[in-house]
Amino acid sequence: MRVYEVQAHPKASRIAVELRDGVYHVYVRSAPEQGKATEEVRKVFAEFLGVPRKRLRCRSGESSRRKIFELSD
């Protein structure tokens, strides 16, 4: 099992993933309401890692910009 620290950037003008200082910055277009941005972050980050979305779980930070994602084996 791997753990990733992710900084979400909702309502961005682009969709991208950048690694800076050990933190993945994920830019998504969704607004941070009712979990939409978190779900889009999960989708974009899973695509970036090249894994199915169901293997990636938000362990903490559902309603925060700072999130911890867990990749199951």
N, C-alpha and C. Protein backbone atom coordinates (compact mmCIF):
# COMPACT_ATOMS: atom_id res chain seq x y z
N MET A 1 0.85 -1.18 0.00
CA MET A 1 0.00 0.00 0.00
C MET A 1 0.90 1.24 0.00
N ARG A 2 0.59 2.18 -0.89
CA ARG A 2 1.34 3.43 -0.96
C ARG A 2 0.43 4.58 -0.56
N VAL A 3 1.03 5.60 0.04
CA VAL A 3 0.28 6.77 0.49
C VAL A 3 0.85 8.00 -0.21
N TYR A 4 -0.05 8.85 -0.69
CA TYR A 4 0.35 10.06 -1.41
C TYR A 4 -0.28 11.28 -0.76
N GLU A 5 0.49 12.34 -0.63
CA GLU A 5 -0.03 13.61 -0.14
C GLU A 5 -0.37 14.45 -1.37
N VAL A 6 -1.61 14.95 -1.41
CA VAL A 6 -2.11 15.66 -2.58
C VAL A 6 -2.66 17.02 -2.15
N GLN A 7 -2.31 18.04 -2.90
CA GLN A 7 -2.88 19.37 -2.71
C GLN A 7 -3.83 19.60 -3.87
N ALA A 8 -5.11 19.76 -3.57
CA ALA A 8 -6.12 19.96 -4.61
C ALA A 8 -6.22 21.44 -4.97
N HIS A 9 -6.41 21.70 -6.25
CA HIS A 9 -6.61 23.06 -6.75
C HIS A 9 -7.91 23.06 -7.56
N PRO A 10 -9.06 23.21 -6.87
CA PRO A 10 -10.34 23.20 -7.59
C PRO A 10 -10.55 24.51 -8.37
N LYS A 11 -11.46 24.45 -9.32
CA LYS A 11 -11.83 25.60 -10.15
C LYS A 11 -10.61 26.16 -10.90
N ALA A 12 -9.71 25.28 -11.29
CA ALA A 12 -8.52 25.70 -12.04
C ALA A 12 -8.89 25.84 -13.52
N SER A 13 -8.06 26.54 -14.24
CA SER A 13 -8.31 26.71 -15.67
C SER A 13 -7.77 25.55 -16.49
N ARG A 14 -7.07 24.62 -15.83
CA ARG A 14 -6.49 23.48 -16.52
C ARG A 14 -6.60 22.23 -15.67
N ILE A 15 -6.37 21.10 -16.30
CA ILE A 15 -6.32 19.83 -15.58
C ILE A 15 -4.87 19.35 -15.68
N ALA A 16 -4.22 19.22 -14.53
CA ALA A 16 -2.81 18.85 -14.53
C ALA A 16 -2.42 18.26 -13.19
N VAL A 17 -1.28 17.56 -13.19
CA VAL A 17 -0.69 17.03 -11.96
C VAL A 17 0.78 17.43 -11.96
N GLU A 18 1.22 18.02 -10.86
CA GLU A 18 2.62 18.41 -10.71
C GLU A 18 3.14 17.90 -9.38
N LEU A 19 4.39 17.52 -9.34
CA LEU A 19 5.04 17.08 -8.11
C LEU A 19 6.01 18.17 -7.67
N ARG A 20 5.76 18.72 -6.47
CA ARG A 20 6.64 19.75 -5.91
C ARG A 20 6.90 19.44 -4.45
N ASP A 21 8.14 19.32 -4.07
CA ASP A 21 8.54 19.08 -2.68
C ASP A 21 7.83 17.88 -2.06
N GLY A 22 7.65 16.83 -2.84
CA GLY A 22 7.05 15.60 -2.33
C GLY A 22 5.53 15.62 -2.24
N VAL A 23 4.91 16.71 -2.69
CA VAL A 23 3.45 16.84 -2.66
C VAL A 23 2.95 16.92 -4.10
N TYR A 24 1.93 16.13 -4.41
CA TYR A 24 1.32 16.16 -5.74
C TYR A 24 0.27 17.26 -5.76
N HIS A 25 0.38 18.18 -6.70
CA HIS A 25 -0.59 19.25 -6.87
C HIS A 25 -1.47 18.86 -8.05
N VAL A 26 -2.76 18.70 -7.77
CA VAL A 26 -3.71 18.25 -8.80
C VAL A 26 -4.68 19.40 -9.09
N TYR A 27 -4.67 19.84 -10.33
CA TYR A 27 -5.53 20.94 -10.77
C TYR A 27 -6.74 20.36 -11.49
N VAL A 28 -7.93 20.75 -11.04
CA VAL A 28 -9.16 20.26 -11.65
C VAL A 28 -10.12 21.43 -11.87
N ARG A 29 -11.08 21.22 -12.73
CA ARG A 29 -12.04 22.28 -13.06
C ARG A 29 -13.26 22.31 -12.15
N SER A 30 -13.55 21.22 -11.48
CA SER A 30 -14.76 21.14 -10.64
C SER A 30 -14.68 22.11 -9.46
N ALA A 31 -15.87 22.55 -9.05
CA ALA A 31 -15.97 23.39 -7.86
C ALA A 31 -15.95 22.51 -6.62
N PRO A 32 -15.45 23.04 -5.51
CA PRO A 32 -15.39 22.25 -4.28
C PRO A 32 -16.73 22.19 -3.55
N GLU A 33 -17.70 21.58 -4.17
CA GLU A 33 -19.01 21.45 -3.53
C GLU A 33 -19.51 20.02 -3.68
N GLN A 34 -20.02 19.49 -2.59
CA GLN A 34 -20.62 18.15 -2.54
C GLN A 34 -19.69 17.06 -3.05
N GLY A 35 -18.38 17.21 -2.80
CA GLY A 35 -17.42 16.17 -3.14
C GLY A 35 -17.06 16.07 -4.61
N LYS A 36 -17.55 17.00 -5.43
CA LYS A 36 -17.27 16.92 -6.87
C LYS A 36 -15.79 17.10 -7.18
N ALA A 37 -15.16 18.08 -6.53
CA ALA A 37 -13.73 18.31 -6.79
C ALA A 37 -12.89 17.14 -6.29
N THR A 38 -13.22 16.60 -5.14
CA THR A 38 -12.47 15.46 -4.61
C THR A 38 -12.56 14.27 -5.56
N GLU A 39 -13.72 14.02 -6.09
CA GLU A 39 -13.89 12.90 -7.01
C GLU A 39 -13.11 13.13 -8.31
N GLU A 40 -13.11 14.37 -8.79
CA GLU A 40 -12.34 14.66 -10.00
C GLU A 40 -10.84 14.56 -9.72
N VAL A 41 -10.40 15.01 -8.55
CA VAL A 41 -9.00 14.87 -8.16
C VAL A 41 -8.62 13.39 -8.15
N ARG A 42 -9.47 12.57 -7.57
CA ARG A 42 -9.22 11.12 -7.52
C ARG A 42 -9.10 10.54 -8.93
N LYS A 43 -9.99 10.95 -9.82
CA LYS A 43 -9.98 10.45 -11.21
C LYS A 43 -8.71 10.87 -11.93
N VAL A 44 -8.37 12.15 -11.86
CA VAL A 44 -7.20 12.68 -12.55
C VAL A 44 -5.91 12.07 -11.98
N PHE A 45 -5.84 11.95 -10.66
CA PHE A 45 -4.64 11.40 -10.03
C PHE A 45 -4.48 9.91 -10.36
N ALA A 46 -5.58 9.16 -10.40
CA ALA A 46 -5.52 7.74 -10.78
C ALA A 46 -5.03 7.60 -12.21
N GLU A 47 -5.51 8.44 -13.11
CA GLU A 47 -5.03 8.41 -14.50
C GLU A 47 -3.54 8.73 -14.57
N PHE A 48 -3.11 9.71 -13.77
CA PHE A 48 -1.70 10.08 -13.73
C PHE A 48 -0.83 8.91 -13.26
N LEU A 49 -1.31 8.17 -12.26
CA LEU A 49 -0.57 7.02 -11.73
C LEU A 49 -0.71 5.80 -12.62
N GLY A 50 -1.69 5.80 -13.51
CA GLY A 50 -1.92 4.67 -14.40
C GLY A 50 -2.56 3.48 -13.70
N VAL A 51 -3.44 3.78 -12.76
CA VAL A 51 -4.14 2.73 -12.00
C VAL A 51 -5.64 2.94 -12.10
N PRO A 52 -6.44 1.88 -11.88
CA PRO A 52 -7.89 2.05 -11.85
C PRO A 52 -8.31 2.94 -10.66
N ARG A 53 -9.32 3.74 -10.87
CA ARG A 53 -9.80 4.67 -9.84
C ARG A 53 -10.20 3.95 -8.56
N LYS A 54 -10.74 2.73 -8.67
CA LYS A 54 -11.22 2.02 -7.47
C LYS A 54 -10.08 1.62 -6.54
N ARG A 55 -8.83 1.62 -7.03
CA ARG A 55 -7.69 1.28 -6.18
C ARG A 55 -7.20 2.48 -5.37
N LEU A 56 -7.68 3.67 -5.68
CA LEU A 56 -7.25 4.89 -5.02
C LEU A 56 -8.35 5.37 -4.08
N ARG A 57 -8.00 5.52 -2.81
CA ARG A 57 -8.99 5.91 -1.79
C ARG A 57 -8.50 7.14 -1.06
N CYS A 58 -9.41 8.09 -0.82
CA CYS A 58 -9.09 9.28 -0.05
C CYS A 58 -9.16 8.92 1.43
N ARG A 59 -8.00 8.80 2.06
CA ARG A 59 -7.93 8.39 3.46
C ARG A 59 -8.27 9.54 4.41
N SER A 60 -7.88 10.75 4.04
CA SER A 60 -8.25 11.91 4.85
C SER A 60 -8.27 13.15 3.98
N GLY A 61 -9.03 14.15 4.42
CA GLY A 61 -9.11 15.41 3.70
C GLY A 61 -10.21 15.51 2.69
N GLU A 62 -11.29 14.74 2.87
CA GLU A 62 -12.42 14.78 1.93
C GLU A 62 -12.89 16.21 1.66
N SER A 63 -12.94 17.04 2.69
CA SER A 63 -13.45 18.40 2.52
C SER A 63 -12.35 19.45 2.66
N SER A 64 -11.12 19.05 2.47
CA SER A 64 -9.97 19.94 2.57
C SER A 64 -9.20 19.95 1.26
N ARG A 65 -8.41 20.97 1.04
CA ARG A 65 -7.57 20.99 -0.16
C ARG A 65 -6.38 20.05 -0.01
N ARG A 66 -5.96 19.81 1.22
CA ARG A 66 -4.85 18.90 1.50
C ARG A 66 -5.44 17.52 1.76
N LYS A 67 -5.08 16.55 0.93
CA LYS A 67 -5.67 15.22 1.01
C LYS A 67 -4.58 14.15 1.11
N ILE A 68 -4.93 13.04 1.69
CA ILE A 68 -4.06 11.87 1.72
C ILE A 68 -4.77 10.76 0.97
N PHE A 69 -4.14 10.31 -0.11
CA PHE A 69 -4.69 9.21 -0.90
C PHE A 69 -3.89 7.94 -0.65
N GLU A 70 -4.60 6.85 -0.63
CA GLU A 70 -4.00 5.53 -0.38
C GLU A 70 -4.24 4.66 -1.61
N LEU A 71 -3.17 4.06 -2.10
CA LEU A 71 -3.25 3.18 -3.26
C LEU A 71 -3.15 1.74 -2.77
N SER A 72 -4.23 1.00 -2.94
CA SER A 72 -4.24 -0.40 -2.49
C SER A 72 -3.60 -1.30 -3.53
N ASP A 73 -3.07 -2.42 -3.07
CA ASP A 73 -2.41 -3.39 -3.96
C ASP A 73 -3.40 -4.32 -4.61
